[in-house]
Amino acid sequence: MLLELKSVQKRFGGVTALRDGNLSVNAGEVHLLMGENGAGKSTLMKIVAGMQGLDGGEMLFQGKPVNFANPKEAAAVGIAMVHQESLLAPHLTVGENIFLGREDIGSFGIVNRAAMMDRAAKLIEAHGFPLKADWRVSRLSPAGRQLVEICRAIANGSSLLIFDEPTSSLSESETKEVFTIVRRLKEKGAGVIYITHRLEELRTVGDRVTVLRDGATVHTGELKDLSRAQLIQHMVGRDLGALYSRTALPPGHTLLSVKNLNRGKVLQNISLSVHAGEIVGLAGLMGAGRTELCRAIFGIDAVDSGEISVSGKPLKFASPRDAVIAGIALIPEDRQKTGLATQLPVGWNLTLASIGAHSRFGILQAAKLSDTEKKYIDRLRIKTTGPAQKSVRLSGGNQQKIVIAKWVAQGARIFLFDEPTRGIDVGAKTEVFEVMDDLARQGAAILMVSSELTELIQVADRILVMRLGKISGELPGKTTQEEIMALAAFEEEEEAKQ
């Protein structure tokens, strides 16, 4: 037995994050850790990685009781963690981040940078990652930063590695490389704890699974003995059939219209419309131009030509401010980086987009703010201790609700959802879908980007498919993944030209 956790408890003030955490991991095993956001998974793993201390229970590593004071102590015995959200130093290079805190020290205590960068380059090459040791981390995409996190963990030769949602921002080819790394670690006798919300990944990497719910372990067993429906039932505490289903509405008038939109090779002759009460899905492979289209509609990126109309009126957006005034909202893919001020309270985030409506002569009206905060916490069922709680303390699903709520409070009528369920669990996904459905029933128009084809089929009234910066086709909501992929994948002759 490599790691054993017995009745682990953790409290933050008056909030109990873990009340009965139990987990065991063997050498040469990939152990899946699952549960809804807020179930206690990350807290349990931060205890194992030395980022937090336990308040009760017992942790054994290689048969010996441990309670690490910091990550350095955990790393010293062979425990490393690959975090979902990047903890890298953006001003440093890839190589410097990989060996940050364990640099090659030469004569007179000077860092041997050349040797360190050479080691980093060889590590990157060995795994075929699309990285260079001398690249600045600040210029990397979320996927690139995640790959650097993985390199940091495997560079130390750890005997237990924790992967926290490692593929949430990776392409299909990068995801396959992560799976290869996990298998290699297993073959070498390392233990791996793998946290994921992507149910399709389970059979690819996992041996056993432990499920947490409400801060306690509710199931541990062999993955092969569990069906997908049984696993979801353990996670959310209800049957799969009780999860999300949506009834489409008759579409109203056209709220958003895009005609012949062009931006270099990224967007080519894009035309679409979204009606009041309608959810239109936007599918496509990574790099197809889906996020770029949302950014263009929201006024972040200037376009070369084309027309954007709201309720039939052509408008030109010089900035996102113009789009917001027109009633357009963007729920971005990276909510923590571009959707939230994570260190500010929940209440402040809820009212950031509508601050003008809560002030008079430049002075904030506390009573108005309080009423709005309470209204949208209740309306979107945001699980928080109150408006004063820092947003960073909330689960991914509740953070996403805050991002949506701030635009609802501002009075938006057109919503651009870019990967709205990235990094949130199946139960929280259902709640986000319910919020989207509620908005549609109140007359909003929704354009939803998602890489999860089953979600698009489940939620969207129509699905537009993008390929190489163009709309390659339109499908009804009740279509198949095969039909979507037929329009999304490169044609052989097109691929040959790239």
Protein backbone atom coordinates (compact mmCIF):
# COMPACT_ATOMS: atom_id res chain seq x y z
CA MET A 1 0.00 0.00 0.00
CA LEU A 2 1.47 3.33 -1.09
CA LEU A 3 -1.04 5.78 0.39
CA GLU A 4 -3.89 5.34 2.85
CA LEU A 5 -6.28 8.00 4.14
CA LYS A 6 -8.55 7.15 7.06
CA SER A 7 -11.53 9.32 8.03
CA VAL A 8 -9.71 12.53 7.06
CA GLN A 9 -11.36 15.77 8.15
CA LYS A 10 -10.77 19.39 7.17
CA ARG A 11 -12.55 22.55 8.31
CA PHE A 12 -12.29 26.16 7.14
CA GLY A 13 -13.73 28.28 9.93
CA GLY A 14 -17.28 27.08 10.42
CA VAL A 15 -17.38 25.23 7.08
CA THR A 16 -16.56 21.50 6.97
CA ALA A 17 -14.92 20.70 3.62
CA LEU A 18 -14.12 17.08 4.54
CA ARG A 19 -15.89 15.04 7.19
CA ASP A 20 -14.95 11.46 6.32
CA GLY A 21 -12.38 11.16 3.53
CA ASN A 22 -11.14 7.62 2.91
CA LEU A 23 -8.83 6.53 0.09
CA SER A 24 -6.15 3.91 -0.56
CA VAL A 25 -3.71 3.79 -3.48
CA ASN A 26 -1.39 0.93 -4.39
CA ALA A 27 1.92 1.16 -6.23
CA GLY A 28 1.40 0.58 -9.97
CA GLU A 29 -2.27 1.64 -9.79
CA VAL A 30 -4.26 4.44 -11.40
CA HIS A 31 -6.91 5.40 -8.89
CA LEU A 32 -9.72 7.67 -10.09
CA LEU A 33 -11.09 10.24 -7.65
CA MET A 34 -14.51 11.53 -8.60
CA GLY A 35 -17.34 13.62 -7.25
CA GLU A 36 -19.22 16.83 -7.86
CA ASN A 37 -17.46 20.18 -7.47
CA GLY A 38 -17.42 20.96 -3.77
CA ALA A 39 -17.44 17.28 -2.80
CA GLY A 40 -13.97 17.62 -1.26
CA LYS A 41 -11.70 16.09 -3.93
CA SER A 42 -9.29 19.01 -4.28
CA THR A 43 -9.17 19.56 -0.51
CA LEU A 44 -8.31 15.89 0.05
CA MET A 45 -5.55 16.01 -2.57
CA LYS A 46 -4.12 19.29 -1.22
CA ILE A 47 -3.73 17.50 2.12
CA VAL A 48 -1.87 14.66 0.41
CA ALA A 49 0.34 17.15 -1.48
CA GLY A 50 1.18 19.15 1.64
CA MET A 51 -0.71 22.28 0.65
CA GLN A 52 -3.06 21.95 3.63
CA GLY A 53 -2.92 20.11 6.93
CA LEU A 54 -5.58 17.67 8.10
CA ASP A 55 -7.75 18.49 11.11
CA GLY A 56 -8.74 14.93 11.91
CA GLY A 57 -8.22 11.36 10.81
CA GLU A 58 -4.98 9.77 9.64
CA MET A 59 -2.75 9.73 6.57
CA LEU A 60 -0.22 6.94 5.97
CA PHE A 61 2.44 7.01 3.24
CA GLN A 62 4.30 3.75 2.67
CA GLY A 63 2.90 2.58 6.00
CA LYS A 64 4.13 5.56 8.04
CA PRO A 65 1.88 8.27 9.56
CA VAL A 66 2.45 11.67 7.87
CA ASN A 67 0.96 15.17 7.97
CA PHE A 68 2.96 17.44 5.68
CA ALA A 69 3.52 21.07 6.65
CA ASN A 70 4.16 22.18 3.07
CA PRO A 71 4.52 20.82 -0.49
CA LYS A 72 8.31 20.60 -0.12
CA GLU A 73 7.90 17.98 2.61
CA ALA A 74 5.50 15.98 0.39
CA ALA A 75 7.89 16.24 -2.58
CA ALA A 76 10.77 15.02 -0.42
CA VAL A 77 9.03 11.66 0.09
CA GLY A 78 7.96 11.41 -3.58
CA ILE A 79 4.54 13.08 -3.91
CA ALA A 80 3.81 15.56 -6.71
CA MET A 81 0.62 17.23 -7.94
CA VAL A 82 -0.36 18.45 -11.42
CA HIS A 83 -2.85 21.25 -10.79
CA GLN A 84 -5.88 22.04 -12.95
CA GLU A 85 -5.30 25.78 -12.67
CA SER A 86 -1.76 26.81 -13.50
CA LEU A 87 0.56 27.62 -10.59
CA LEU A 88 3.46 28.57 -12.84
CA ALA A 89 5.62 31.72 -12.83
CA PRO A 90 4.50 33.41 -16.08
CA HIS A 91 7.59 35.65 -16.40
CA LEU A 92 9.93 32.63 -16.46
CA THR A 93 10.65 30.20 -19.30
CA VAL A 94 9.24 26.71 -19.64
CA GLY A 95 12.56 25.17 -18.55
CA GLU A 96 12.88 27.46 -15.54
CA ASN A 97 9.36 26.57 -14.43
CA ILE A 98 9.96 22.84 -14.81
CA PHE A 99 12.87 22.97 -12.37
CA LEU A 100 11.70 25.88 -10.23
CA GLY A 101 12.86 25.26 -6.68
CA ARG A 102 15.23 22.45 -7.71
CA GLU A 103 17.55 24.22 -10.13
CA ASP A 104 21.00 22.95 -11.19
CA ILE A 105 23.41 24.74 -8.87
CA GLY A 106 26.99 25.03 -10.08
CA SER A 107 30.12 26.53 -8.59
CA PHE A 108 29.78 29.38 -6.12
CA GLY A 109 26.04 28.74 -5.79
CA ILE A 110 25.25 29.97 -9.31
CA VAL A 111 22.43 28.30 -11.26
CA ASN A 112 23.75 26.29 -14.21
CA ARG A 113 21.10 27.54 -16.58
CA ALA A 114 22.51 25.83 -19.68
CA ALA A 115 22.42 22.39 -18.04
CA MET A 116 18.93 23.02 -16.66
CA MET A 117 17.56 24.10 -20.03
CA ASP A 118 19.18 21.09 -21.71
CA ARG A 119 17.49 18.74 -19.22
CA ALA A 120 14.16 20.46 -19.83
CA ALA A 121 14.54 20.20 -23.61
CA LYS A 122 15.29 16.46 -23.39
CA LEU A 123 12.28 15.88 -21.10
CA ILE A 124 9.97 17.76 -23.48
CA GLU A 125 11.33 15.92 -26.52
CA ALA A 126 11.00 12.53 -24.82
CA HIS A 127 7.26 13.07 -24.45
CA GLY A 128 6.67 14.81 -27.78
CA PHE A 129 5.10 17.91 -26.23
CA PRO A 130 4.69 20.98 -28.50
CA LEU A 131 6.87 23.10 -26.22
CA LYS A 132 10.31 24.71 -26.26
CA ALA A 133 12.39 25.03 -23.09
CA ASP A 134 13.16 28.71 -23.77
CA TRP A 135 9.54 29.78 -24.41
CA ARG A 136 8.10 32.31 -21.97
CA VAL A 137 5.19 30.77 -20.02
CA SER A 138 3.15 34.00 -20.19
CA ARG A 139 2.76 33.43 -23.94
CA LEU A 140 1.48 29.86 -23.66
CA SER A 141 -2.14 28.81 -24.11
CA PRO A 142 -3.97 27.11 -21.20
CA ALA A 143 -3.11 23.78 -22.84
CA GLY A 144 0.57 24.70 -23.03
CA ARG A 145 0.67 25.72 -19.37
CA GLN A 146 -0.97 22.43 -18.39
CA LEU A 147 1.76 20.52 -20.24
CA VAL A 148 4.42 22.45 -18.31
CA GLU A 149 2.68 21.47 -15.05
CA ILE A 150 2.86 17.83 -16.12
CA CYS A 151 6.55 18.18 -16.98
CA ARG A 152 7.22 19.64 -13.52
CA ALA A 153 5.61 16.66 -11.83
CA ILE A 154 7.27 13.90 -13.84
CA ALA A 155 10.72 15.56 -13.81
CA ASN A 156 11.16 14.77 -10.12
CA GLY A 157 10.68 11.00 -10.44
CA SER A 158 7.87 10.93 -7.87
CA SER A 159 6.40 7.64 -6.59
CA LEU A 160 2.88 9.14 -6.24
CA LEU A 161 1.50 11.65 -8.72
CA ILE A 162 -1.82 13.47 -8.45
CA PHE A 163 -3.42 14.66 -11.70
CA ASP A 164 -6.17 17.22 -11.08
CA GLU A 165 -8.25 17.53 -14.29
CA PRO A 166 -5.10 17.35 -16.45
CA THR A 167 -6.90 17.26 -19.82
CA SER A 168 -9.61 19.89 -19.29
CA SER A 169 -7.89 22.35 -21.66
CA LEU A 170 -5.97 19.95 -23.92
CA SER A 171 -6.52 18.91 -27.52
CA GLU A 172 -7.27 15.30 -28.43
CA SER A 173 -3.64 14.58 -29.40
CA GLU A 174 -2.32 16.21 -26.19
CA THR A 175 -4.85 14.23 -24.15
CA LYS A 176 -3.60 10.99 -25.69
CA GLU A 177 -0.05 11.93 -24.68
CA VAL A 178 -1.19 12.48 -21.08
CA PHE A 179 -2.74 9.00 -21.10
CA THR A 180 0.56 7.61 -22.39
CA ILE A 181 2.42 9.32 -19.55
CA VAL A 182 -0.02 7.92 -16.97
CA ARG A 183 0.45 4.40 -18.37
CA ARG A 184 4.24 4.75 -18.25
CA LEU A 185 4.11 5.86 -14.63
CA LYS A 186 1.95 2.88 -13.79
CA GLU A 187 4.31 0.49 -15.58
CA LYS A 188 7.22 1.89 -13.57
CA GLY A 189 5.38 1.11 -10.32
CA ALA A 190 4.25 4.63 -9.44
CA GLY A 191 0.86 5.28 -7.93
CA VAL A 192 -1.40 7.76 -9.73
CA ILE A 193 -4.47 9.58 -8.40
CA TYR A 194 -6.44 10.93 -11.35
CA ILE A 195 -9.25 13.47 -10.90
CA THR A 196 -11.53 13.98 -13.89
CA HIS A 197 -15.06 15.02 -14.76
CA ARG A 198 -14.79 13.56 -18.25
CA LEU A 199 -16.58 10.26 -17.91
CA GLU A 200 -15.33 9.09 -21.30
CA GLU A 201 -11.75 9.14 -19.95
CA LEU A 202 -12.40 6.66 -17.16
CA ARG A 203 -11.99 3.36 -18.96
CA THR A 204 -8.92 4.68 -20.76
CA VAL A 205 -6.80 5.25 -17.66
CA GLY A 206 -8.42 3.95 -14.47
CA ASP A 207 -8.17 0.78 -12.37
CA ARG A 208 -10.16 1.60 -9.23
CA VAL A 209 -12.41 4.52 -8.37
CA THR A 210 -13.32 6.39 -5.20
CA VAL A 211 -16.32 8.73 -5.17
CA LEU A 212 -16.74 11.64 -2.74
CA ARG A 213 -20.02 13.36 -2.02
CA ASP A 214 -20.61 16.17 0.48
CA GLY A 215 -17.16 15.79 2.02
CA ALA A 216 -17.31 12.02 2.56
CA THR A 217 -16.29 8.88 0.69
CA VAL A 218 -19.45 7.15 -0.54
CA HIS A 219 -17.97 4.43 -2.77
CA THR A 220 -14.68 2.68 -3.55
CA GLY A 221 -14.35 -0.23 -5.94
CA GLU A 222 -13.10 -1.66 -9.20
CA LEU A 223 -13.99 0.53 -12.16
CA LYS A 224 -14.90 -2.49 -14.29
CA ASP A 225 -17.71 -3.33 -11.87
CA LEU A 226 -19.45 0.05 -12.31
CA SER A 227 -21.65 1.21 -15.16
CA ARG A 228 -21.68 4.86 -16.19
CA ALA A 229 -25.18 5.27 -14.72
CA GLN A 230 -24.13 3.75 -11.38
CA LEU A 231 -21.09 6.02 -11.19
CA ILE A 232 -23.16 9.14 -11.80
CA GLN A 233 -25.68 7.99 -9.21
CA HIS A 234 -22.88 7.70 -6.63
CA MET A 235 -21.67 11.19 -7.54
CA VAL A 236 -24.94 13.09 -7.49
CA GLY A 237 -27.07 10.89 -5.24
CA ARG A 238 -29.82 10.37 -7.79
CA ASP A 239 -30.57 8.28 -10.87
CA LEU A 240 -29.15 9.15 -14.28
CA GLY A 241 -32.70 9.55 -15.56
CA ALA A 242 -33.24 12.39 -13.09
CA LEU A 243 -30.50 14.46 -14.75
CA TYR A 244 -30.99 17.06 -17.44
CA SER A 245 -33.48 17.00 -20.28
CA ARG A 246 -34.67 20.05 -22.21
CA THR A 247 -37.82 20.75 -24.19
CA ALA A 248 -37.22 23.17 -27.08
CA LEU A 249 -39.27 26.36 -27.39
CA PRO A 250 -40.76 27.87 -30.55
CA PRO A 251 -38.14 30.43 -31.65
CA GLY A 252 -39.04 34.11 -31.43
CA HIS A 253 -37.71 37.07 -33.41
CA THR A 254 -34.06 37.23 -34.48
CA LEU A 255 -32.01 38.81 -31.68
CA LEU A 256 -28.50 38.21 -33.07
CA SER A 257 -27.57 38.19 -36.74
CA VAL A 258 -24.08 37.86 -38.20
CA LYS A 259 -23.55 38.36 -41.94
CA ASN A 260 -20.39 37.67 -43.95
CA LEU A 261 -18.01 38.20 -41.01
CA ASN A 262 -14.31 38.01 -41.91
CA ARG A 263 -11.10 38.23 -39.89
CA GLY A 264 -8.05 37.03 -41.80
CA LYS A 265 -8.03 33.24 -42.12
CA VAL A 266 -9.47 32.81 -38.63
CA LEU A 267 -13.04 33.75 -39.63
CA GLN A 268 -14.14 33.45 -43.23
CA ASN A 269 -17.53 34.63 -44.45
CA ILE A 270 -19.39 33.67 -41.25
CA SER A 271 -23.16 34.10 -41.29
CA LEU A 272 -25.57 32.94 -38.58
CA SER A 273 -28.62 33.97 -36.61
CA VAL A 274 -29.93 33.24 -33.12
CA HIS A 275 -33.56 33.81 -32.16
CA ALA A 276 -35.16 34.75 -28.87
CA GLY A 277 -35.80 31.63 -26.81
CA GLU A 278 -33.28 29.59 -28.80
CA ILE A 279 -30.05 27.80 -27.85
CA VAL A 280 -27.79 27.37 -30.86
CA GLY A 281 -24.80 25.05 -30.45
CA LEU A 282 -21.44 25.75 -32.05
CA ALA A 283 -19.31 22.65 -32.66
CA GLY A 284 -15.89 22.13 -34.21
CA LEU A 285 -12.39 20.86 -33.57
CA MET A 286 -9.79 22.88 -31.68
CA GLY A 287 -8.64 25.74 -33.91
CA ALA A 288 -11.83 25.79 -35.97
CA GLY A 289 -12.52 29.40 -34.94
CA ARG A 290 -15.34 29.03 -32.41
CA THR A 291 -13.77 31.10 -29.61
CA GLU A 292 -12.53 33.63 -32.16
CA LEU A 293 -16.09 34.07 -33.42
CA CYS A 294 -17.36 34.77 -29.89
CA ARG A 295 -14.55 37.28 -29.33
CA ALA A 296 -15.38 39.04 -32.59
CA ILE A 297 -19.11 39.26 -31.80
CA PHE A 298 -18.29 40.63 -28.34
CA GLY A 299 -16.01 43.32 -29.74
CA ILE A 300 -12.74 41.99 -28.31
CA ASP A 301 -11.15 41.36 -31.73
CA ALA A 302 -11.63 43.73 -34.66
CA VAL A 303 -13.01 42.22 -37.87
CA ASP A 304 -12.00 42.97 -41.45
CA SER A 305 -15.53 43.06 -42.83
CA GLY A 306 -19.07 41.88 -42.20
CA GLU A 307 -22.07 42.94 -40.19
CA ILE A 308 -23.39 42.21 -36.69
CA SER A 309 -27.01 43.11 -35.98
CA VAL A 310 -28.97 43.10 -32.73
CA SER A 311 -32.78 42.94 -33.11
CA GLY A 312 -32.38 43.83 -36.77
CA LYS A 313 -30.20 46.90 -36.18
CA PRO A 314 -26.66 46.77 -37.64
CA LEU A 315 -24.04 47.79 -35.06
CA LYS A 316 -20.29 48.34 -34.99
CA PHE A 317 -18.47 47.31 -31.82
CA ALA A 318 -15.22 49.17 -31.21
CA SER A 319 -14.86 47.43 -27.84
CA PRO A 320 -16.66 44.98 -25.52
CA ARG A 321 -18.28 48.01 -23.87
CA ASP A 322 -20.25 48.64 -27.07
CA ALA A 323 -21.38 44.99 -27.14
CA VAL A 324 -22.46 45.14 -23.49
CA ILE A 325 -24.50 48.29 -24.17
CA ALA A 326 -26.17 46.38 -27.04
CA GLY A 327 -27.17 43.60 -24.59
CA ILE A 328 -24.52 41.01 -25.43
CA ALA A 329 -22.71 38.97 -22.74
CA LEU A 330 -19.70 36.67 -23.01
CA ILE A 331 -19.19 33.80 -20.58
CA PRO A 332 -15.54 32.97 -21.39
CA GLU A 333 -13.84 29.58 -21.45
CA ASP A 334 -11.34 30.48 -18.72
CA ARG A 335 -13.67 31.80 -16.04
CA GLN A 336 -10.95 32.31 -13.42
CA LYS A 337 -8.69 34.34 -15.69
CA THR A 338 -11.19 36.40 -17.71
CA GLY A 339 -14.61 35.90 -16.13
CA LEU A 340 -14.09 36.55 -12.42
CA ALA A 341 -12.15 38.71 -10.02
CA THR A 342 -11.44 35.66 -7.88
CA GLN A 343 -10.04 37.52 -4.88
CA LEU A 344 -13.10 39.75 -4.62
CA PRO A 345 -16.26 38.73 -2.74
CA VAL A 346 -19.12 36.93 -4.44
CA GLY A 347 -21.36 40.00 -4.11
CA TRP A 348 -18.88 42.31 -5.82
CA ASN A 349 -18.51 39.91 -8.75
CA LEU A 350 -22.28 39.67 -9.12
CA THR A 351 -22.61 43.43 -9.56
CA LEU A 352 -19.43 44.27 -11.48
CA ALA A 353 -21.19 44.50 -14.86
CA SER A 354 -24.10 46.57 -13.51
CA ILE A 355 -22.23 48.87 -11.15
CA GLY A 356 -23.76 51.97 -12.76
CA ALA A 357 -27.25 50.84 -11.82
CA HIS A 358 -26.18 50.59 -8.18
CA SER A 359 -24.67 54.03 -7.79
CA ARG A 360 -25.89 57.60 -7.59
CA PHE A 361 -23.67 60.57 -8.35
CA GLY A 362 -20.73 58.15 -8.35
CA ILE A 363 -21.51 56.77 -4.89
CA LEU A 364 -22.46 53.10 -4.48
CA GLN A 365 -25.84 52.48 -2.89
CA ALA A 366 -25.29 49.72 -0.32
CA ALA A 367 -28.96 48.79 -0.03
CA LYS A 368 -29.34 48.33 -3.81
CA LEU A 369 -26.17 46.25 -3.96
CA SER A 370 -27.32 44.02 -1.12
CA ASP A 371 -30.74 43.43 -2.71
CA THR A 372 -29.17 42.47 -6.07
CA GLU A 373 -26.60 40.19 -4.47
CA LYS A 374 -29.24 38.28 -2.49
CA LYS A 375 -31.58 38.13 -5.49
CA TYR A 376 -29.11 36.43 -7.82
CA ILE A 377 -27.56 34.16 -5.21
CA ASP A 378 -31.08 32.81 -4.65
CA ARG A 379 -32.18 32.87 -8.31
CA LEU A 380 -29.17 30.90 -9.60
CA ARG A 381 -28.88 28.77 -6.42
CA ILE A 382 -25.25 29.76 -5.84
CA LYS A 383 -23.84 27.73 -2.96
CA THR A 384 -21.95 30.24 -0.82
CA THR A 385 -21.72 31.30 2.80
CA GLY A 386 -22.86 34.74 1.66
CA PRO A 387 -22.02 37.76 -0.54
CA ALA A 388 -18.86 38.46 1.48
CA GLN A 389 -17.23 35.08 0.71
CA LYS A 390 -14.30 35.29 -1.69
CA SER A 391 -15.15 33.89 -5.12
CA VAL A 392 -11.95 31.85 -5.21
CA ARG A 393 -13.34 29.69 -2.40
CA LEU A 394 -16.29 28.47 -4.47
CA SER A 395 -16.48 25.36 -6.63
CA GLY A 396 -16.11 25.65 -10.40
CA GLY A 397 -19.84 25.24 -10.97
CA ASN A 398 -20.74 28.02 -8.54
CA GLN A 399 -18.06 30.29 -9.99
CA GLN A 400 -19.62 29.75 -13.41
CA LYS A 401 -23.03 30.69 -12.03
CA ILE A 402 -21.57 33.98 -10.76
CA VAL A 403 -20.18 34.80 -14.21
CA ILE A 404 -23.64 34.17 -15.71
CA ALA A 405 -25.46 36.03 -12.94
CA LYS A 406 -23.44 39.24 -13.34
CA TRP A 407 -24.63 39.48 -16.97
CA VAL A 408 -28.24 38.61 -16.09
CA ALA A 409 -28.14 41.38 -13.47
CA GLN A 410 -26.79 43.74 -16.14
CA GLY A 411 -29.78 42.99 -18.38
CA ALA A 412 -28.10 41.07 -21.21
CA ARG A 413 -30.38 39.48 -23.84
CA ILE A 414 -27.78 37.68 -25.97
CA PHE A 415 -25.43 35.22 -24.27
CA LEU A 416 -22.25 33.77 -25.79
CA PHE A 417 -21.31 30.69 -23.75
CA ASP A 418 -17.77 29.52 -24.57
CA GLU A 419 -17.26 25.99 -23.14
CA PRO A 420 -19.65 26.69 -20.23
CA THR A 421 -19.10 23.31 -18.51
CA ARG A 422 -15.31 23.06 -18.76
CA GLY A 423 -13.89 21.72 -15.50
CA ILE A 424 -17.21 21.28 -13.68
CA ASP A 425 -18.86 18.05 -12.61
CA VAL A 426 -21.93 16.34 -13.99
CA GLY A 427 -24.27 17.67 -11.33
CA ALA A 428 -23.07 21.26 -11.75
CA LYS A 429 -23.38 20.89 -15.53
CA THR A 430 -27.06 20.10 -15.08
CA GLU A 431 -27.51 23.24 -13.00
CA VAL A 432 -25.76 25.38 -15.65
CA PHE A 433 -27.99 23.88 -18.35
CA GLU A 434 -31.04 24.68 -16.24
CA VAL A 435 -29.88 28.30 -15.95
CA MET A 436 -29.43 28.46 -19.74
CA ASP A 437 -32.88 26.98 -20.31
CA ASP A 438 -34.40 29.49 -17.88
CA LEU A 439 -32.74 32.36 -19.77
CA ALA A 440 -34.07 31.03 -23.08
CA ARG A 441 -37.59 30.74 -21.66
CA GLN A 442 -37.37 34.39 -20.65
CA GLY A 443 -36.57 35.35 -24.24
CA ALA A 444 -32.77 35.36 -24.33
CA ALA A 445 -30.79 34.18 -27.36
CA ILE A 446 -27.91 31.80 -26.59
CA LEU A 447 -24.92 30.75 -28.68
CA MET A 448 -23.17 27.83 -26.96
CA VAL A 449 -19.66 26.66 -27.85
CA SER A 450 -18.85 23.16 -26.59
CA SER A 451 -16.35 20.42 -27.34
CA GLU A 452 -18.63 17.94 -25.56
CA LEU A 453 -20.79 16.71 -28.44
CA THR A 454 -23.22 14.86 -26.17
CA GLU A 455 -23.92 18.16 -24.38
CA LEU A 456 -24.65 19.99 -27.62
CA ILE A 457 -27.03 17.24 -28.73
CA GLN A 458 -28.72 17.32 -25.34
CA VAL A 459 -29.07 21.09 -25.01
CA ALA A 460 -29.07 22.84 -28.42
CA ASP A 461 -32.07 23.46 -30.68
CA ARG A 462 -29.76 23.72 -33.70
CA ILE A 463 -26.06 22.98 -34.11
CA LEU A 464 -23.71 24.95 -36.36
CA VAL A 465 -20.41 23.25 -37.18
CA MET A 466 -17.19 25.17 -37.87
CA ARG A 467 -14.17 23.94 -39.79
CA LEU A 468 -11.07 25.94 -40.75
CA GLY A 469 -12.70 29.27 -39.85
CA LYS A 470 -15.88 28.60 -41.80
CA ILE A 471 -19.40 27.37 -41.07
CA SER A 472 -19.30 23.92 -42.65
CA GLY A 473 -22.92 23.00 -42.00
CA GLU A 474 -26.01 23.14 -39.80
CA LEU A 475 -27.72 20.22 -38.06
CA PRO A 476 -30.88 19.82 -35.96
CA GLY A 477 -30.37 19.54 -32.21
CA LYS A 478 -31.33 15.86 -32.10
CA THR A 479 -28.50 14.75 -34.35
CA THR A 480 -25.64 12.29 -33.81
CA GLN A 481 -21.97 12.70 -32.90
CA GLU A 482 -21.06 11.04 -36.20
CA GLU A 483 -22.95 13.67 -38.22
CA ILE A 484 -21.26 16.48 -36.29
CA MET A 485 -17.79 15.01 -36.75
CA ALA A 486 -18.40 14.47 -40.46
CA LEU A 487 -18.75 18.26 -40.78
CA ALA A 488 -16.06 19.15 -38.20
CA ALA A 489 -13.18 16.92 -39.36
CA PHE A 490 -10.77 17.97 -42.09
CA GLU A 491 -11.42 16.69 -45.57
CA GLU A 492 -8.39 14.83 -46.93
CA GLU A 493 -7.80 17.32 -49.72
CA GLU A 494 -8.13 20.28 -47.33
CA GLU A 495 -5.75 18.69 -44.82
CA ALA A 496 -3.15 18.14 -47.53
CA LYS A 497 -3.10 21.87 -48.26
CA GLN A 498 -2.36 22.86 -44.67
